[in-house]
Amino acid sequence: MKVKLLLALALVCTAVGVGIVVAANGPANMTPDDELRLFFLLLIASVLLSAALIVAAVEDLGRKLAAAPKVPSQGG
């Protein structure tokens, strides 16, 4: 669930960034403010994608550890 939410937020950030470029009628007509907004939106999207990958890996590791057979201790 967390992974899907992070991916959805990343997609929204990317879509807003693309909307900025479309609203400026292409990258050549963008103002410095538009460029800065686009940069930070894409930066946030990349951070969210990285977080989604990390969360997915941790959840997968947790599932694998939970499913692993328990080894009895060899204490004597």
Foldseek 3Di string as FASTA:
>chain_A
DLLVVLLVQLVVLQVVLVVLQVVLVHPVRHDPVNVVSSVVSNVSSVVSNVVSVVVVVVVVVVVVVVPDDDDDDPDD
